[in-house]
Amino acid sequence: MANCCLDEADICLGCHRSYDEILAWHTMNDAEKQALVDRLKIRAQQRKSY
């Protein structure tokens, strides 16, 4: 199991979740998790362009 490593904006360098999203993950239902994963794919692509 990996651990999140946050950057200066509190975004994980590996999974691209924000600190708040990491904390909320365990309370999300499956639909909410899937919606977040979909958003994370976009976020990861955007962060690659930096």
C-alpha atoms as a PDB file:
ATOM      1  CA  MET A   1       0.000   0.000   0.000  1.00  0.00           C
ATOM      2  CA  ALA A   2       1.407   3.369  -1.028  1.00  0.00           C
ATOM      3  CA  ASN A   3       1.386   6.531   1.006  1.00  0.00           C
ATOM      4  CA  CYS A   4       0.428   9.885  -0.399  1.00  0.00           C
ATOM      5  CA  CYS A   5       3.128  12.537  -0.725  1.00  0.00           C
ATOM      6  CA  LEU A   6       1.651  16.025  -0.923  1.00  0.00           C
ATOM      7  CA  ASP A   7       3.108  18.934  -2.862  1.00  0.00           C
ATOM      8  CA  GLU A   8       2.935  22.589  -1.804  1.00  0.00           C
ATOM      9  CA  ALA A   9      -0.699  22.782  -2.999  1.00  0.00           C
ATOM     10  CA  ASP A  10      -1.677  19.738  -0.878  1.00  0.00           C
ATOM     11  CA  ILE A  11      -2.103  17.545  -3.968  1.00  0.00           C
ATOM     12  CA  CYS A  12      -0.642  14.032  -3.892  1.00  0.00           C
ATOM     13  CA  LEU A  13       2.176  13.522  -6.370  1.00  0.00           C
ATOM     14  CA  GLY A  14       1.093   9.929  -7.004  1.00  0.00           C
ATOM     15  CA  CYS A  15      -2.708   9.710  -6.964  1.00  0.00           C
ATOM     16  CA  HIS A  16      -3.394  13.430  -7.622  1.00  0.00           C
ATOM     17  CA  ARG A  17      -6.026  13.661  -4.870  1.00  0.00           C
ATOM     18  CA  SER A  18      -6.189  16.742  -2.692  1.00  0.00           C
ATOM     19  CA  TYR A  19      -5.742  16.443   1.050  1.00  0.00           C
ATOM     20  CA  ASP A  20      -9.498  16.813   1.551  1.00  0.00           C
ATOM     21  CA  GLU A  21     -10.220  14.161  -1.086  1.00  0.00           C
ATOM     22  CA  ILE A  22      -7.814  11.748   0.596  1.00  0.00           C
ATOM     23  CA  LEU A  23      -9.567  12.242   3.932  1.00  0.00           C
ATOM     24  CA  ALA A  24     -13.038  11.909   2.401  1.00  0.00           C
ATOM     25  CA  TRP A  25     -12.254   8.758   0.384  1.00  0.00           C
ATOM     26  CA  HIS A  26     -13.291   6.381   3.174  1.00  0.00           C
ATOM     27  CA  THR A  27     -16.720   7.989   3.500  1.00  0.00           C
ATOM     28  CA  MET A  28     -17.494   8.128  -0.226  1.00  0.00           C
ATOM     29  CA  ASN A  29     -19.841   5.648  -1.854  1.00  0.00           C
ATOM     30  CA  ASP A  30     -18.862   3.824  -5.040  1.00  0.00           C
ATOM     31  CA  ALA A  31     -20.448   6.406  -7.355  1.00  0.00           C
ATOM     32  CA  GLU A  32     -18.643   9.265  -5.613  1.00  0.00           C
ATOM     33  CA  LYS A  33     -15.343   7.407  -5.787  1.00  0.00           C
ATOM     34  CA  GLN A  34     -15.813   6.728  -9.504  1.00  0.00           C
ATOM     35  CA  ALA A  35     -16.646  10.384 -10.161  1.00  0.00           C
ATOM     36  CA  LEU A  36     -13.494  11.410  -8.318  1.00  0.00           C
ATOM     37  CA  VAL A  37     -11.365   8.904 -10.236  1.00  0.00           C
ATOM     38  CA  ASP A  38     -12.723  10.352 -13.475  1.00  0.00           C
ATOM     39  CA  ARG A  39     -11.786  13.875 -12.327  1.00  0.00           C
ATOM     40  CA  LEU A  40      -8.348  12.659 -11.223  1.00  0.00           C
ATOM     41  CA  LYS A  41      -7.565  11.409 -14.723  1.00  0.00           C
ATOM     42  CA  ILE A  42      -8.112  14.943 -16.023  1.00  0.00           C
ATOM     43  CA  ARG A  43      -6.152  16.460 -13.135  1.00  0.00           C
ATOM     44  CA  ALA A  44      -3.222  14.121 -13.788  1.00  0.00           C
ATOM     45  CA  GLN A  45      -3.108  15.141 -17.459  1.00  0.00           C
ATOM     46  CA  GLN A  46      -3.228  18.829 -16.540  1.00  0.00           C
ATOM     47  CA  ARG A  47      -0.403  18.432 -14.029  1.00  0.00           C
ATOM     48  CA  LYS A  48       1.793  16.670 -16.611  1.00  0.00           C
ATOM     49  CA  SER A  49       1.766  19.821 -18.713  1.00  0.00           C
ATOM     50  CA  TYR A  50       3.588  21.813 -15.998  1.00  0.00           C
END
